[in-house]
Amino acid sequence: METKARVSITVTEGWSWGTSLFAPECIALLKDTAAELGLPYREMLSQAGHDAYAVADLTPTVMIFTPCRDGISHNTNEAIDLARTLPGANLLLNAALRRANR
């Protein structure tokens, strides 16, 4: 292909999934805060290219997921119900306050 097009091609890797891990102290903070609030949680990996993966190279990072309606996410049909999202927002607020006040 290079010869036919008379160009030179160099392939470099600029980003790949899974190169940065989330901060164990942030994961522990979310788990502890969820337990304190009586919120159920499940640890999970995401294969989507969230900005948090890039930020994790710069600062302690973690993600919170809340359930989407009918389990559809990363799709134009994605929708959320406030009742299912409020626990995640409450977890974020309380975890941020705990970290700020440490």
PDB file of N, CA and C in Angstrom:
ATOM      1  N   MET A   1       0.823  -1.179   0.000  1.00  0.00           N
ATOM      2  CA  MET A   1       0.000   0.000   0.000  1.00  0.00           C
ATOM      3  C   MET A   1       0.876   1.256   0.000  1.00  0.00           C
ATOM      4  N   GLU A   2       1.948   1.258   0.801  1.00  0.00           N
ATOM      5  CA  GLU A   2       2.840   2.409   0.843  1.00  0.00           C
ATOM      6  C   GLU A   2       3.460   2.673  -0.528  1.00  0.00           C
ATOM      7  N   THR A   3       3.901   1.604  -1.179  1.00  0.00           N
ATOM      8  CA  THR A   3       4.565   1.748  -2.469  1.00  0.00           C
ATOM      9  C   THR A   3       3.590   2.278  -3.511  1.00  0.00           C
ATOM     10  N   LYS A   4       2.418   1.712  -3.551  1.00  0.00           N
ATOM     11  CA  LYS A   4       1.415   2.128  -4.541  1.00  0.00           C
ATOM     12  C   LYS A   4       1.036   3.601  -4.352  1.00  0.00           C
ATOM     13  N   ALA A   5       0.901   4.043  -3.109  1.00  0.00           N
ATOM     14  CA  ALA A   5       0.508   5.424  -2.836  1.00  0.00           C
ATOM     15  C   ALA A   5       1.714   6.370  -2.801  1.00  0.00           C
ATOM     16  N   ARG A   6       2.926   5.796  -2.833  1.00  0.00           N
ATOM     17  CA  ARG A   6       4.170   6.557  -2.769  1.00  0.00           C
ATOM     18  C   ARG A   6       4.235   7.441  -1.512  1.00  0.00           C
ATOM     19  N   VAL A   7       3.920   6.791  -0.385  1.00  0.00           N
ATOM     20  CA  VAL A   7       3.995   7.469   0.912  1.00  0.00           C
ATOM     21  C   VAL A   7       4.705   6.556   1.905  1.00  0.00           C
ATOM     22  N   SER A   8       5.105   7.135   2.983  1.00  0.00           N
ATOM     23  CA  SER A   8       5.697   6.364   4.066  1.00  0.00           C
ATOM     24  C   SER A   8       4.716   6.378   5.235  1.00  0.00           C
ATOM     25  N   ILE A   9       4.450   5.223   5.803  1.00  0.00           N
ATOM     26  CA  ILE A   9       3.503   5.120   6.903  1.00  0.00           C
ATOM     27  C   ILE A   9       4.239   4.661   8.158  1.00  0.00           C
ATOM     28  N   THR A  10       4.028   5.390   9.232  1.00  0.00           N
ATOM     29  CA  THR A  10       4.563   5.006  10.527  1.00  0.00           C
ATOM     30  C   THR A  10       3.389   4.880  11.488  1.00  0.00           C
ATOM     31  N   VAL A  11       3.260   3.735  12.121  1.00  0.00           N
ATOM     32  CA  VAL A  11       2.174   3.502  13.064  1.00  0.00           C
ATOM     33  C   VAL A  11       2.732   3.657  14.473  1.00  0.00           C
ATOM     34  N   THR A  12       2.101   4.536  15.242  1.00  0.00           N
ATOM     35  CA  THR A  12       2.495   4.718  16.633  1.00  0.00           C
ATOM     36  C   THR A  12       1.267   4.563  17.515  1.00  0.00           C
ATOM     37  N   GLU A  13       1.511   4.145  18.724  1.00  0.00           N
ATOM     38  CA  GLU A  13       0.407   3.995  19.674  1.00  0.00           C
ATOM     39  C   GLU A  13       0.325   5.255  20.507  1.00  0.00           C
ATOM     40  N   GLY A  14      -0.804   5.949  20.418  1.00  0.00           N
ATOM     41  CA  GLY A  14      -0.992   7.175  21.179  1.00  0.00           C
ATOM     42  C   GLY A  14      -1.771   6.955  22.455  1.00  0.00           C
ATOM     43  N   TRP A  15      -2.614   5.963  22.469  1.00  0.00           N
ATOM     44  CA  TRP A  15      -3.441   5.675  23.635  1.00  0.00           C
ATOM     45  C   TRP A  15      -3.907   4.243  23.522  1.00  0.00           C
ATOM     46  N   SER A  16      -3.949   3.572  24.625  1.00  0.00           N
ATOM     47  CA  SER A  16      -4.522   2.233  24.620  1.00  0.00           C
ATOM     48  C   SER A  16      -5.241   2.014  25.933  1.00  0.00           C
ATOM     49  N   TRP A  17      -6.280   1.223  25.894  1.00  0.00           N
ATOM     50  CA  TRP A  17      -7.086   0.963  27.075  1.00  0.00           C
ATOM     51  C   TRP A  17      -6.307   0.117  28.055  1.00  0.00           C
ATOM     52  N   GLY A  18      -6.453   0.463  29.317  1.00  0.00           N
ATOM     53  CA  GLY A  18      -5.867  -0.353  30.352  1.00  0.00           C
ATOM     54  C   GLY A  18      -4.447   0.007  30.718  1.00  0.00           C
ATOM     55  N   THR A  19      -3.913   1.114  30.189  1.00  0.00           N
ATOM     56  CA  THR A  19      -2.539   1.469  30.524  1.00  0.00           C
ATOM     57  C   THR A  19      -2.456   2.177  31.873  1.00  0.00           C
ATOM     58  N   SER A  20      -3.536   2.799  32.302  1.00  0.00           N
ATOM     59  CA  SER A  20      -3.564   3.492  33.582  1.00  0.00           C
ATOM     60  C   SER A  20      -4.568   2.805  34.495  1.00  0.00           C
ATOM     61  N   LEU A  21      -4.170   2.642  35.732  1.00  0.00           N
ATOM     62  CA  LEU A  21      -5.064   2.049  36.708  1.00  0.00           C
ATOM     63  C   LEU A  21      -5.613   3.145  37.602  1.00  0.00           C
ATOM     64  N   PHE A  22      -6.807   2.933  38.091  1.00  0.00           N
ATOM     65  CA  PHE A  22      -7.379   3.909  39.007  1.00  0.00           C
ATOM     66  C   PHE A  22      -6.728   3.779  40.369  1.00  0.00           C
ATOM     67  N   ALA A  23      -6.730   4.871  41.100  1.00  0.00           N
ATOM     68  CA  ALA A  23      -6.035   4.959  42.376  1.00  0.00           C
ATOM     69  C   ALA A  23      -6.696   4.073  43.427  1.00  0.00           C
ATOM     70  N   PRO A  24      -5.936   3.140  44.001  1.00  0.00           N
ATOM     71  CA  PRO A  24      -6.494   2.254  45.033  1.00  0.00           C
ATOM     72  C   PRO A  24      -7.110   3.028  46.196  1.00  0.00           C
ATOM     73  N   GLU A  25      -6.505   4.177  46.560  1.00  0.00           N
ATOM     74  CA  GLU A  25      -7.073   4.948  47.675  1.00  0.00           C
ATOM     75  C   GLU A  25      -8.426   5.561  47.312  1.00  0.00           C
ATOM     76  N   CYS A  26      -8.622   5.888  46.039  1.00  0.00           N
ATOM     77  CA  CYS A  26      -9.920   6.422  45.602  1.00  0.00           C
ATOM     78  C   CYS A  26     -10.963   5.311  45.529  1.00  0.00           C
ATOM     79  N   ILE A  27     -10.548   4.145  45.095  1.00  0.00           N
ATOM     80  CA  ILE A  27     -11.464   3.000  45.055  1.00  0.00           C
ATOM     81  C   ILE A  27     -11.903   2.662  46.474  1.00  0.00           C
ATOM     82  N   ALA A  28     -10.948   2.619  47.404  1.00  0.00           N
ATOM     83  CA  ALA A  28     -11.274   2.338  48.810  1.00  0.00           C
ATOM     84  C   ALA A  28     -12.202   3.408  49.373  1.00  0.00           C
ATOM     85  N   LEU A  29     -11.957   4.664  49.018  1.00  0.00           N
ATOM     86  CA  LEU A  29     -12.811   5.760  49.485  1.00  0.00           C
ATOM     87  C   LEU A  29     -14.250   5.560  49.028  1.00  0.00           C
ATOM     88  N   LEU A  30     -14.432   5.194  47.755  1.00  0.00           N
ATOM     89  CA  LEU A  30     -15.793   4.971  47.254  1.00  0.00           C
ATOM     90  C   LEU A  30     -16.450   3.783  47.939  1.00  0.00           C
ATOM     91  N   LYS A  31     -15.705   2.708  48.120  1.00  0.00           N
ATOM     92  CA  LYS A  31     -16.264   1.521  48.772  1.00  0.00           C
ATOM     93  C   LYS A  31     -16.659   1.833  50.212  1.00  0.00           C
ATOM     94  N   ASP A  32     -15.786   2.529  50.933  1.00  0.00           N
ATOM     95  CA  ASP A  32     -16.081   2.883  52.328  1.00  0.00           C
ATOM     96  C   ASP A  32     -17.271   3.824  52.418  1.00  0.00           C
ATOM     97  N   THR A  33     -17.309   4.801  51.528  1.00  0.00           N
ATOM     98  CA  THR A  33     -18.410   5.770  51.535  1.00  0.00           C
ATOM     99  C   THR A  33     -19.723   5.096  51.169  1.00  0.00           C
ATOM    100  N   ALA A  34     -19.693   4.209  50.178  1.00  0.00           N
ATOM    101  CA  ALA A  34     -20.909   3.477  49.797  1.00  0.00           C
ATOM    102  C   ALA A  34     -21.418   2.642  50.972  1.00  0.00           C
ATOM    103  N   ALA A  35     -20.510   1.971  51.661  1.00  0.00           N
ATOM    104  CA  ALA A  35     -20.912   1.159  52.816  1.00  0.00           C
ATOM    105  C   ALA A  35     -21.511   2.046  53.904  1.00  0.00           C
ATOM    106  N   GLU A  36     -20.881   3.182  54.151  1.00  0.00           N
ATOM    107  CA  GLU A  36     -21.371   4.112  55.167  1.00  0.00           C
ATOM    108  C   GLU A  36     -22.765   4.627  54.827  1.00  0.00           C
ATOM    109  N   LEU A  37     -23.032   4.839  53.543  1.00  0.00           N
ATOM    110  CA  LEU A  37     -24.338   5.333  53.093  1.00  0.00           C
ATOM    111  C   LEU A  37     -25.348   4.205  52.887  1.00  0.00           C
ATOM    112  N   GLY A  38     -24.903   2.963  53.025  1.00  0.00           N
ATOM    113  CA  GLY A  38     -25.790   1.821  52.805  1.00  0.00           C
ATOM    114  C   GLY A  38     -26.126   1.610  51.342  1.00  0.00           C
ATOM    115  N   LEU A  39     -25.212   2.012  50.459  1.00  0.00           N
ATOM    116  CA  LEU A  39     -25.443   1.873  49.017  1.00  0.00           C
ATOM    117  C   LEU A  39     -24.793   0.591  48.505  1.00  0.00           C
ATOM    118  N   PRO A  40     -25.526  -0.178  47.709  1.00  0.00           N
ATOM    119  CA  PRO A  40     -24.900  -1.349  47.089  1.00  0.00           C
ATOM    120  C   PRO A  40     -23.947  -0.881  45.990  1.00  0.00           C
ATOM    121  N   TYR A  41     -22.923  -1.663  45.734  1.00  0.00           N
ATOM    122  CA  TYR A  41     -21.995  -1.319  44.665  1.00  0.00           C
ATOM    123  C   TYR A  41     -21.393  -2.591  44.095  1.00  0.00           C
ATOM    124  N   ARG A  42     -20.831  -2.445  42.924  1.00  0.00           N
ATOM    125  CA  ARG A  42     -20.124  -3.545  42.263  1.00  0.00           C
ATOM    126  C   ARG A  42     -18.894  -2.956  41.595  1.00  0.00           C
ATOM    127  N   GLU A  43     -17.742  -3.533  41.847  1.00  0.00           N
ATOM    128  CA  GLU A  43     -16.540  -3.095  41.140  1.00  0.00           C
ATOM    129  C   GLU A  43     -16.595  -3.653  39.721  1.00  0.00           C
ATOM    130  N   MET A  44     -16.239  -2.820  38.767  1.00  0.00           N
ATOM    131  CA  MET A  44     -16.268  -3.265  37.378  1.00  0.00           C
ATOM    132  C   MET A  44     -15.241  -2.504  36.555  1.00  0.00           C
ATOM    133  N   LEU A  45     -14.849  -3.112  35.464  1.00  0.00           N
ATOM    134  CA  LEU A  45     -13.949  -2.467  34.517  1.00  0.00           C
ATOM    135  C   LEU A  45     -14.775  -1.917  33.368  1.00  0.00           C
ATOM    136  N   SER A  46     -14.304  -0.852  32.785  1.00  0.00           N
ATOM    137  CA  SER A  46     -14.973  -0.289  31.620  1.00  0.00           C
ATOM    138  C   SER A  46     -14.026  -0.358  30.435  1.00  0.00           C
ATOM    139  N   GLN A  47     -14.542  -0.744  29.300  1.00  0.00           N
ATOM    140  CA  GLN A  47     -13.727  -0.770  28.094  1.00  0.00           C
ATOM    141  C   GLN A  47     -13.956   0.457  27.234  1.00  0.00           C
ATOM    142  N   ALA A  48     -14.827   1.339  27.687  1.00  0.00           N
ATOM    143  CA  ALA A  48     -15.064   2.568  26.936  1.00  0.00           C
ATOM    144  C   ALA A  48     -13.904   3.528  27.172  1.00  0.00           C
ATOM    145  N   GLY A  49     -13.656   4.411  26.242  1.00  0.00           N
ATOM    146  CA  GLY A  49     -12.539   5.348  26.343  1.00  0.00           C
ATOM    147  C   GLY A  49     -12.883   6.583  27.144  1.00  0.00           C
ATOM    148  N   HIS A  50     -13.160   6.420  28.411  1.00  0.00           N
ATOM    149  CA  HIS A  50     -13.520   7.551  29.263  1.00  0.00           C
ATOM    150  C   HIS A  50     -12.329   8.482  29.472  1.00  0.00           C
ATOM    151  N   ASP A  51     -12.619   9.780  29.615  1.00  0.00           N
ATOM    152  CA  ASP A  51     -11.568  10.761  29.883  1.00  0.00           C
ATOM    153  C   ASP A  51     -10.810  10.418  31.153  1.00  0.00           C
ATOM    154  N   ALA A  52     -11.464   9.738  32.066  1.00  0.00           N
ATOM    155  CA  ALA A  52     -10.830   9.403  33.346  1.00  0.00           C
ATOM    156  C   ALA A  52      -9.554   8.600  33.153  1.00  0.00           C
ATOM    157  N   TYR A  53      -9.450   7.823  32.090  1.00  0.00           N
ATOM    158  CA  TYR A  53      -8.224   7.058  31.856  1.00  0.00           C
ATOM    159  C   TYR A  53      -7.046   7.985  31.586  1.00  0.00           C
ATOM    160  N   ALA A  54      -7.275   9.061  30.841  1.00  0.00           N
ATOM    161  CA  ALA A  54      -6.204  10.016  30.572  1.00  0.00           C
ATOM    162  C   ALA A  54      -5.877  10.817  31.823  1.00  0.00           C
ATOM    163  N   VAL A  55      -6.892  11.182  32.580  1.00  0.00           N
ATOM    164  CA  VAL A  55      -6.694  11.956  33.807  1.00  0.00           C
ATOM    165  C   VAL A  55      -5.936  11.135  34.851  1.00  0.00           C
ATOM    166  N   ALA A  56      -6.109   9.822  34.841  1.00  0.00           N
ATOM    167  CA  ALA A  56      -5.470   8.947  35.826  1.00  0.00           C
ATOM    168  C   ALA A  56      -3.946   9.007  35.752  1.00  0.00           C
ATOM    169  N   ASP A  57      -3.403   9.446  34.640  1.00  0.00           N
ATOM    170  CA  ASP A  57      -1.954   9.612  34.532  1.00  0.00           C
ATOM    171  C   ASP A  57      -1.480  10.867  35.280  1.00  0.00           C
ATOM    172  N   LEU A  58      -2.414  11.765  35.582  1.00  0.00           N
ATOM    173  CA  LEU A  58      -2.055  13.047  36.179  1.00  0.00           C
ATOM    174  C   LEU A  58      -2.433  13.184  37.652  1.00  0.00           C
ATOM    175  N   THR A  59      -3.498  12.510  38.055  1.00  0.00           N
ATOM    176  CA  THR A  59      -4.005  12.679  39.415  1.00  0.00           C
ATOM    177  C   THR A  59      -4.776  11.440  39.840  1.00  0.00           C
ATOM    178  N   PRO A  60      -4.908  11.195  41.142  1.00  0.00           N
ATOM    179  CA  PRO A  60      -5.690  10.036  41.596  1.00  0.00           C
ATOM    180  C   PRO A  60      -7.116  10.107  41.037  1.00  0.00           C
ATOM    181  N   THR A  61      -7.556   9.020  40.446  1.00  0.00           N
ATOM    182  CA  THR A  61      -8.820   9.007  39.706  1.00  0.00           C
ATOM    183  C   THR A  61      -9.590   7.723  39.968  1.00  0.00           C
ATOM    184  N   VAL A  62     -10.902   7.826  39.879  1.00  0.00           N
ATOM    185  CA  VAL A  62     -11.802   6.681  39.975  1.00  0.00           C
ATOM    186  C   VAL A  62     -13.085   7.070  39.241  1.00  0.00           C
ATOM    187  N   MET A  63     -13.895   6.101  38.861  1.00  0.00           N
ATOM    188  CA  MET A  63     -15.162   6.399  38.182  1.00  0.00           C
ATOM    189  C   MET A  63     -16.317   5.799  38.965  1.00  0.00           C
ATOM    190  N   ILE A  64     -17.469   6.457  38.851  1.00  0.00           N
ATOM    191  CA  ILE A  64     -18.724   5.966  39.417  1.00  0.00           C
ATOM    192  C   ILE A  64     -19.681   5.782  38.252  1.00  0.00           C
ATOM    193  N   PHE A  65     -20.256   4.607  38.156  1.00  0.00           N
ATOM    194  CA  PHE A  65     -21.270   4.337  37.135  1.00  0.00           C
ATOM    195  C   PHE A  65     -22.631   4.198  37.812  1.00  0.00           C
ATOM    196  N   THR A  66     -23.665   4.707  37.173  1.00  0.00           N
ATOM    197  CA  THR A  66     -25.036   4.468  37.630  1.00  0.00           C
ATOM    198  C   THR A  66     -25.774   3.772  36.491  1.00  0.00           C
ATOM    199  N   PRO A  67     -26.771   2.961  36.829  1.00  0.00           N
ATOM    200  CA  PRO A  67     -27.455   2.172  35.800  1.00  0.00           C
ATOM    201  C   PRO A  67     -28.232   3.034  34.800  1.00  0.00           C
ATOM    202  N   CYS A  68     -28.139   2.666  33.553  1.00  0.00           N
ATOM    203  CA  CYS A  68     -28.921   3.307  32.499  1.00  0.00           C
ATOM    204  C   CYS A  68     -30.211   2.520  32.286  1.00  0.00           C
ATOM    205  N   ARG A  69     -31.213   3.209  31.807  1.00  0.00           N
ATOM    206  CA  ARG A  69     -32.493   2.564  31.526  1.00  0.00           C
ATOM    207  C   ARG A  69     -32.295   1.434  30.515  1.00  0.00           C
ATOM    208  N   ASP A  70     -32.831   0.283  30.820  1.00  0.00           N
ATOM    209  CA  ASP A  70     -32.768  -0.917  29.984  1.00  0.00           C
ATOM    210  C   ASP A  70     -31.339  -1.403  29.728  1.00  0.00           C
ATOM    211  N   GLY A  71     -30.368  -0.923  30.530  1.00  0.00           N
ATOM    212  CA  GLY A  71     -28.988  -1.371  30.394  1.00  0.00           C
ATOM    213  C   GLY A  71     -28.281  -0.842  29.153  1.00  0.00           C
ATOM    214  N   ILE A  72     -28.855   0.143  28.492  1.00  0.00           N
ATOM    215  CA  ILE A  72     -28.278   0.680  27.251  1.00  0.00           C
ATOM    216  C   ILE A  72     -27.387   1.876  27.591  1.00  0.00           C
ATOM    217  N   SER A  73     -26.093   1.766  27.255  1.00  0.00           N
ATOM    218  CA  SER A  73     -25.184   2.891  27.468  1.00  0.00           C
ATOM    219  C   SER A  73     -24.285   3.058  26.251  1.00  0.00           C
ATOM    220  N   HIS A  74     -23.663   4.230  26.163  1.00  0.00           N
ATOM    221  CA  HIS A  74     -22.793   4.566  25.029  1.00  0.00           C
ATOM    222  C   HIS A  74     -23.537   4.375  23.704  1.00  0.00           C
ATOM    223  N   ASN A  75     -24.746   4.888  23.665  1.00  0.00           N
ATOM    224  CA  ASN A  75     -25.637   4.696  22.535  1.00  0.00           C
ATOM    225  C   ASN A  75     -26.612   5.871  22.535  1.00  0.00           C
ATOM    226  N   THR A  76     -27.098   6.249  21.384  1.00  0.00           N
ATOM    227  CA  THR A  76     -28.040   7.371  21.324  1.00  0.00           C
ATOM    228  C   THR A  76     -29.334   7.086  22.081  1.00  0.00           C
ATOM    229  N   ASN A  77     -29.616   5.826  22.370  1.00  0.00           N
ATOM    230  CA  ASN A  77     -30.813   5.470  23.132  1.00  0.00           C
ATOM    231  C   ASN A  77     -30.570   5.438  24.640  1.00  0.00           C
ATOM    232  N   GLU A  78     -29.367   5.828  25.056  1.00  0.00           N
ATOM    233  CA  GLU A  78     -29.058   5.843  26.483  1.00  0.00           C
ATOM    234  C   GLU A  78     -29.955   6.839  27.198  1.00  0.00           C
ATOM    235  N   ALA A  79     -30.479   6.433  28.343  1.00  0.00           N
ATOM    236  CA  ALA A  79     -31.317   7.310  29.163  1.00  0.00           C
ATOM    237  C   ALA A  79     -31.122   6.922  30.625  1.00  0.00           C
ATOM    238  N   ILE A  80     -31.307   7.888  31.498  1.00  0.00           N
ATOM    239  CA  ILE A  80     -31.177   7.610  32.919  1.00  0.00           C
ATOM    240  C   ILE A  80     -32.448   8.016  33.643  1.00  0.00           C
ATOM    241  N   ASP A  81     -32.698   7.337  34.737  1.00  0.00           N
ATOM    242  CA  ASP A  81     -33.812   7.683  35.610  1.00  0.00           C
ATOM    243  C   ASP A  81     -33.228   8.353  36.840  1.00  0.00           C
ATOM    244  N   LEU A  82     -33.796   9.469  37.241  1.00  0.00           N
ATOM    245  CA  LEU A  82     -33.278  10.229  38.366  1.00  0.00           C
ATOM    246  C   LEU A  82     -33.144   9.360  39.625  1.00  0.00           C
ATOM    247  N   ALA A  83     -34.125   8.538  39.893  1.00  0.00           N
ATOM    248  CA  ALA A  83     -34.102   7.704  41.097  1.00  0.00           C
ATOM    249  C   ALA A  83     -32.904   6.753  41.111  1.00  0.00           C
ATOM    250  N   ARG A  84     -32.468   6.302  39.947  1.00  0.00           N
ATOM    251  CA  ARG A  84     -31.337   5.376  39.879  1.00  0.00           C
ATOM    252  C   ARG A  84     -30.002   6.122  39.800  1.00  0.00           C
ATOM    253  N   THR A  85     -30.050   7.414  39.528  1.00  0.00           N
ATOM    254  CA  THR A  85     -28.843   8.213  39.407  1.00  0.00           C
ATOM    255  C   THR A  85     -28.489   8.933  40.706  1.00  0.00           C
ATOM    256  N   LEU A  86     -29.490   9.290  41.494  1.00  0.00           N
ATOM    257  CA  LEU A  86     -29.236  10.026  42.733  1.00  0.00           C
ATOM    258  C   LEU A  86     -28.285   9.314  43.691  1.00  0.00           C
ATOM    259  N   PRO A  87     -28.368   7.996  43.862  1.00  0.00           N
ATOM    260  CA  PRO A  87     -27.396   7.348  44.757  1.00  0.00           C
ATOM    261  C   PRO A  87     -25.948   7.556  44.309  1.00  0.00           C
ATOM    262  N   GLY A  88     -25.684   7.513  43.012  1.00  0.00           N
ATOM    263  CA  GLY A  88     -24.340   7.745  42.507  1.00  0.00           C
ATOM    264  C   GLY A  88     -23.892   9.179  42.731  1.00  0.00           C
ATOM    265  N   ALA A  89     -24.808  10.132  42.528  1.00  0.00           N
ATOM    266  CA  ALA A  89     -24.487  11.537  42.780  1.00  0.00           C
ATOM    267  C   ALA A  89     -24.230  11.762  44.268  1.00  0.00           C
ATOM    268  N   ASN A  90     -25.010  11.123  45.111  1.00  0.00           N
ATOM    269  CA  ASN A  90     -24.833  11.233  46.553  1.00  0.00           C
ATOM    270  C   ASN A  90     -23.497  10.612  46.981  1.00  0.00           C
ATOM    271  N   LEU A  91     -23.146   9.489  46.362  1.00  0.00           N
ATOM    272  CA  LEU A  91     -21.856   8.857  46.635  1.00  0.00           C
ATOM    273  C   LEU A  91     -20.719   9.804  46.249  1.00  0.00           C
ATOM    274  N   LEU A  92     -20.804  10.409  45.078  1.00  0.00           N
ATOM    275  CA  LEU A  92     -19.779  11.345  44.625  1.00  0.00           C
ATOM    276  C   LEU A  92     -19.647  12.513  45.601  1.00  0.00           C
ATOM    277  N   LEU A  93     -20.756  13.114  45.981  1.00  0.00           N
ATOM    278  CA  LEU A  93     -20.735  14.248  46.907  1.00  0.00           C
ATOM    279  C   LEU A  93     -20.075  13.866  48.229  1.00  0.00           C
ATOM    280  N   ASN A  94     -20.525  12.765  48.819  1.00  0.00           N
ATOM    281  CA  ASN A  94     -19.996  12.362  50.119  1.00  0.00           C
ATOM    282  C   ASN A  94     -18.538  11.945  50.055  1.00  0.00           C
ATOM    283  N   ALA A  95     -18.143  11.265  48.997  1.00  0.00           N
ATOM    284  CA  ALA A  95     -16.736  10.865  48.843  1.00  0.00           C
ATOM    285  C   ALA A  95     -15.854  12.096  48.642  1.00  0.00           C
ATOM    286  N   ALA A  96     -16.314  13.063  47.865  1.00  0.00           N
ATOM    287  CA  ALA A  96     -15.546  14.288  47.648  1.00  0.00           C
ATOM    288  C   ALA A  96     -15.380  15.055  48.956  1.00  0.00           C
ATOM    289  N   LEU A  97     -16.437  15.125  49.756  1.00  0.00           N
ATOM    290  CA  LEU A  97     -16.347  15.807  51.044  1.00  0.00           C
ATOM    291  C   LEU A  97     -15.397  15.069  51.989  1.00  0.00           C
ATOM    292  N   ARG A  98     -15.461  13.758  52.008  1.00  0.00           N
ATOM    293  CA  ARG A  98     -14.553  12.984  52.862  1.00  0.00           C
ATOM    294  C   ARG A  98     -13.098  13.208  52.449  1.00  0.00           C
ATOM    295  N   ARG A  99     -12.853  13.212  51.158  1.00  0.00           N
ATOM    296  CA  ARG A  99     -11.476  13.416  50.687  1.00  0.00           C
ATOM    297  C   ARG A  99     -11.006  14.833  50.971  1.00  0.00           C
ATOM    298  N   ALA A 100     -11.873  15.824  50.804  1.00  0.00           N
ATOM    299  CA  ALA A 100     -11.499  17.217  51.062  1.00  0.00           C
ATOM    300  C   ALA A 100     -11.216  17.454  52.544  1.00  0.00           C
ATOM    301  N   ASN A 101     -11.889  16.706  53.403  1.00  0.00           N
ATOM    302  CA  ASN A 101     -11.767  16.923  54.845  1.00  0.00           C
ATOM    303  C   ASN A 101     -10.768  15.978  55.510  1.00  0.00           C
ATOM    304  N   ARG A 102      -9.996  15.239  54.730  1.00  0.00           N
ATOM    305  CA  ARG A 102      -9.053  14.290  55.358  1.00  0.00           C
ATOM    306  C   ARG A 102      -7.886  14.979  55.984  1.00  0.00           C
TER     307      ARG A 102
END
